[in-house]
Amino acid sequence: MDIKREKINKVNKMTVFSVILFVLVVIWLTVSVNNAGEAAEKNRADSVYRAVMNSVLLCYSIEGEYPPDMEYLEKNYGVRADDDKYIIHYEYFGANIRPSLTVTERNSERTVYLEDEQS
């Protein structure tokens, strides 16, 4: 009888251990997926920033002056950004002074990409 009880206790302990391990793995996967989603969103915002800034520099290299506003970039260089997701602040200082660019998530107060350093 004691051997049978020991086997049952051992099986119960293994079952409990397996369930706990399974729950921990599910929690770990959930947290990982959430973190990956946040990182992907930040990468998309960085891509928006880089696309706009690359167009600004392309305009400067072709025309010899920086574009006066985002509408000019949209019209002449095909720059498109999702206005529902991002606020793009483009500050023009002059034809030969690099503009300031900030991309911010629309649904949050968090700035995704700070102003580029003047280089």
C-alpha atoms as a PDB file:
ATOM      1  CA  MET A   1       0.000   0.000   0.000  1.00  0.00           C
ATOM      2  CA  ASP A   2       2.761   2.444   0.864  1.00  0.00           C
ATOM      3  CA  ILE A   3       4.462   1.893  -2.483  1.00  0.00           C
ATOM      4  CA  LYS A   4       1.207   2.671  -4.280  1.00  0.00           C
ATOM      5  CA  ARG A   5       0.737   5.894  -2.271  1.00  0.00           C
ATOM      6  CA  GLU A   6       4.311   6.953  -2.973  1.00  0.00           C
ATOM      7  CA  LYS A   7       3.702   6.467  -6.691  1.00  0.00           C
ATOM      8  CA  ILE A   8       0.470   8.474  -6.526  1.00  0.00           C
ATOM      9  CA  ASN A   9       2.198  11.272  -4.558  1.00  0.00           C
ATOM     10  CA  LYS A  10       5.076  11.287  -7.030  1.00  0.00           C
ATOM     11  CA  VAL A  11       2.665  11.501  -9.988  1.00  0.00           C
ATOM     12  CA  ASN A  12       0.727  14.304  -8.265  1.00  0.00           C
ATOM     13  CA  LYS A  13       3.928  16.251  -7.579  1.00  0.00           C
ATOM     14  CA  MET A  14       5.031  15.849 -11.201  1.00  0.00           C
ATOM     15  CA  THR A  15       1.614  16.978 -12.441  1.00  0.00           C
ATOM     16  CA  VAL A  16       1.671  20.067 -10.218  1.00  0.00           C
ATOM     17  CA  PHE A  17       5.237  20.840 -11.312  1.00  0.00           C
ATOM     18  CA  SER A  18       4.269  20.456 -14.980  1.00  0.00           C
ATOM     19  CA  VAL A  19       1.258  22.745 -14.609  1.00  0.00           C
ATOM     20  CA  ILE A  20       3.326  25.403 -12.820  1.00  0.00           C
ATOM     21  CA  LEU A  21       6.035  25.173 -15.469  1.00  0.00           C
ATOM     22  CA  PHE A  22       3.441  25.470 -18.242  1.00  0.00           C
ATOM     23  CA  VAL A  23       1.874  28.560 -16.616  1.00  0.00           C
ATOM     24  CA  LEU A  24       5.300  30.186 -16.244  1.00  0.00           C
ATOM     25  CA  VAL A  25       6.131  29.530 -19.894  1.00  0.00           C
ATOM     26  CA  VAL A  26       2.797  31.042 -20.998  1.00  0.00           C
ATOM     27  CA  ILE A  27       3.424  34.140 -18.860  1.00  0.00           C
ATOM     28  CA  TRP A  28       6.953  34.472 -20.227  1.00  0.00           C
ATOM     29  CA  LEU A  29       5.703  34.192 -23.829  1.00  0.00           C
ATOM     30  CA  THR A  30       2.982  36.783 -23.232  1.00  0.00           C
ATOM     31  CA  VAL A  31       5.460  39.285 -21.800  1.00  0.00           C
ATOM     32  CA  SER A  32       7.898  38.616 -24.654  1.00  0.00           C
ATOM     33  CA  VAL A  33       5.266  39.175 -27.326  1.00  0.00           C
ATOM     34  CA  ASN A  34       4.177  42.460 -25.698  1.00  0.00           C
ATOM     35  CA  ASN A  35       7.776  43.692 -25.534  1.00  0.00           C
ATOM     36  CA  ALA A  36       8.372  42.705 -29.149  1.00  0.00           C
ATOM     37  CA  GLY A  37       5.275  44.647 -30.211  1.00  0.00           C
ATOM     38  CA  GLU A  38       6.485  47.782 -28.441  1.00  0.00           C
ATOM     39  CA  ALA A  39       9.926  47.454 -30.015  1.00  0.00           C
ATOM     40  CA  ALA A  40       8.396  47.001 -33.462  1.00  0.00           C
ATOM     41  CA  GLU A  41       6.282  50.131 -33.009  1.00  0.00           C
ATOM     42  CA  LYS A  42       9.349  52.144 -32.025  1.00  0.00           C
ATOM     43  CA  ASN A  43      11.189  50.790 -35.065  1.00  0.00           C
ATOM     44  CA  ARG A  44       8.330  51.930 -37.295  1.00  0.00           C
ATOM     45  CA  ALA A  45       8.512  55.414 -35.797  1.00  0.00           C
ATOM     46  CA  ASP A  46      12.271  55.469 -36.353  1.00  0.00           C
ATOM     47  CA  SER A  47      11.650  54.423 -39.961  1.00  0.00           C
ATOM     48  CA  VAL A  48       9.256  57.346 -40.417  1.00  0.00           C
ATOM     49  CA  TYR A  49      11.875  59.694 -38.981  1.00  0.00           C
ATOM     50  CA  ARG A  50      14.626  58.310 -41.225  1.00  0.00           C
ATOM     51  CA  ALA A  51      12.433  58.429 -44.346  1.00  0.00           C
ATOM     52  CA  VAL A  52      11.561  62.089 -43.797  1.00  0.00           C
ATOM     53  CA  MET A  53      15.126  63.074 -42.908  1.00  0.00           C
ATOM     54  CA  ASN A  54      16.540  61.191 -45.911  1.00  0.00           C
ATOM     55  CA  SER A  55      14.124  63.081 -48.160  1.00  0.00           C
ATOM     56  CA  VAL A  56      15.158  66.362 -46.554  1.00  0.00           C
ATOM     57  CA  LEU A  57      18.826  65.603 -47.245  1.00  0.00           C
ATOM     58  CA  LEU A  58      18.052  64.390 -50.771  1.00  0.00           C
ATOM     59  CA  CYS A  59      16.220  67.643 -51.486  1.00  0.00           C
ATOM     60  CA  TYR A  60      19.164  69.636 -50.158  1.00  0.00           C
ATOM     61  CA  SER A  61      21.657  67.695 -52.254  1.00  0.00           C
ATOM     62  CA  ILE A  62      19.587  68.077 -55.456  1.00  0.00           C
ATOM     63  CA  GLU A  63      18.223  71.602 -55.067  1.00  0.00           C
ATOM     64  CA  GLY A  64      20.865  73.204 -52.865  1.00  0.00           C
ATOM     65  CA  GLU A  65      18.405  74.214 -50.172  1.00  0.00           C
ATOM     66  CA  TYR A  66      16.282  72.501 -47.554  1.00  0.00           C
ATOM     67  CA  PRO A  67      12.555  72.031 -48.208  1.00  0.00           C
ATOM     68  CA  PRO A  68      10.404  74.749 -46.626  1.00  0.00           C
ATOM     69  CA  ASP A  69       7.746  72.376 -45.236  1.00  0.00           C
ATOM     70  CA  MET A  70       6.383  68.824 -45.187  1.00  0.00           C
ATOM     71  CA  GLU A  71       3.922  69.592 -47.998  1.00  0.00           C
ATOM     72  CA  TYR A  72       6.862  70.317 -50.293  1.00  0.00           C
ATOM     73  CA  LEU A  73       8.399  66.940 -49.416  1.00  0.00           C
ATOM     74  CA  GLU A  74       5.084  65.175 -49.994  1.00  0.00           C
ATOM     75  CA  LYS A  75       4.514  66.855 -53.339  1.00  0.00           C
ATOM     76  CA  ASN A  76       8.035  66.656 -54.785  1.00  0.00           C
ATOM     77  CA  TYR A  77       9.626  63.658 -53.054  1.00  0.00           C
ATOM     78  CA  GLY A  78       6.668  61.373 -52.312  1.00  0.00           C
ATOM     79  CA  VAL A  79       7.111  61.336 -48.542  1.00  0.00           C
ATOM     80  CA  ARG A  80       4.080  59.791 -46.857  1.00  0.00           C
ATOM     81  CA  ALA A  81       3.482  59.158 -43.160  1.00  0.00           C
ATOM     82  CA  ASP A  82       0.478  57.782 -41.318  1.00  0.00           C
ATOM     83  CA  ASP A  83      -1.093  60.938 -39.884  1.00  0.00           C
ATOM     84  CA  ASP A  84      -3.376  58.822 -37.713  1.00  0.00           C
ATOM     85  CA  LYS A  85      -0.388  57.295 -35.883  1.00  0.00           C
ATOM     86  CA  TYR A  86       2.302  59.986 -35.836  1.00  0.00           C
ATOM     87  CA  ILE A  87       2.667  63.713 -35.399  1.00  0.00           C
ATOM     88  CA  ILE A  88       5.571  65.021 -37.449  1.00  0.00           C
ATOM     89  CA  HIS A  89       6.920  68.365 -36.329  1.00  0.00           C
ATOM     90  CA  TYR A  90       9.086  69.915 -39.042  1.00  0.00           C
ATOM     91  CA  GLU A  91      10.682  73.242 -38.181  1.00  0.00           C
ATOM     92  CA  TYR A  92      12.267  75.148 -41.050  1.00  0.00           C
ATOM     93  CA  PHE A  93      14.956  77.704 -40.196  1.00  0.00           C
ATOM     94  CA  GLY A  94      16.218  78.748 -43.630  1.00  0.00           C
ATOM     95  CA  ALA A  95      17.302  77.504 -47.025  1.00  0.00           C
ATOM     96  CA  ASN A  96      20.757  76.416 -45.876  1.00  0.00           C
ATOM     97  CA  ILE A  97      20.113  75.543 -42.203  1.00  0.00           C
ATOM     98  CA  ARG A  98      19.148  71.954 -41.468  1.00  0.00           C
ATOM     99  CA  PRO A  99      15.555  71.797 -40.196  1.00  0.00           C
ATOM    100  CA  SER A 100      14.511  70.290 -36.890  1.00  0.00           C
ATOM    101  CA  LEU A 101      12.432  67.112 -37.075  1.00  0.00           C
ATOM    102  CA  THR A 102      10.491  65.351 -34.313  1.00  0.00           C
ATOM    103  CA  VAL A 103       8.233  62.302 -34.685  1.00  0.00           C
ATOM    104  CA  THR A 104       5.759  61.657 -31.855  1.00  0.00           C
ATOM    105  CA  GLU A 105       3.164  58.922 -31.450  1.00  0.00           C
ATOM    106  CA  ARG A 106      -0.302  60.410 -31.793  1.00  0.00           C
ATOM    107  CA  ASN A 107      -1.992  58.114 -29.230  1.00  0.00           C
ATOM    108  CA  SER A 108       0.567  58.730 -26.538  1.00  0.00           C
ATOM    109  CA  GLU A 109       2.513  61.555 -24.997  1.00  0.00           C
ATOM    110  CA  ARG A 110       5.784  59.714 -25.543  1.00  0.00           C
ATOM    111  CA  THR A 111       8.186  61.200 -28.080  1.00  0.00           C
ATOM    112  CA  VAL A 112       9.330  58.421 -30.331  1.00  0.00           C
ATOM    113  CA  TYR A 113      12.294  60.153 -31.848  1.00  0.00           C
ATOM    114  CA  LEU A 114      13.807  63.319 -30.491  1.00  0.00           C
ATOM    115  CA  GLU A 115      15.054  66.157 -32.625  1.00  0.00           C
ATOM    116  CA  ASP A 116      18.090  65.272 -34.682  1.00  0.00           C
ATOM    117  CA  GLU A 117      21.345  66.818 -33.524  1.00  0.00           C
ATOM    118  CA  GLN A 118      22.694  69.385 -35.949  1.00  0.00           C
ATOM    119  CA  SER A 119      25.641  67.697 -37.608  1.00  0.00           C
END
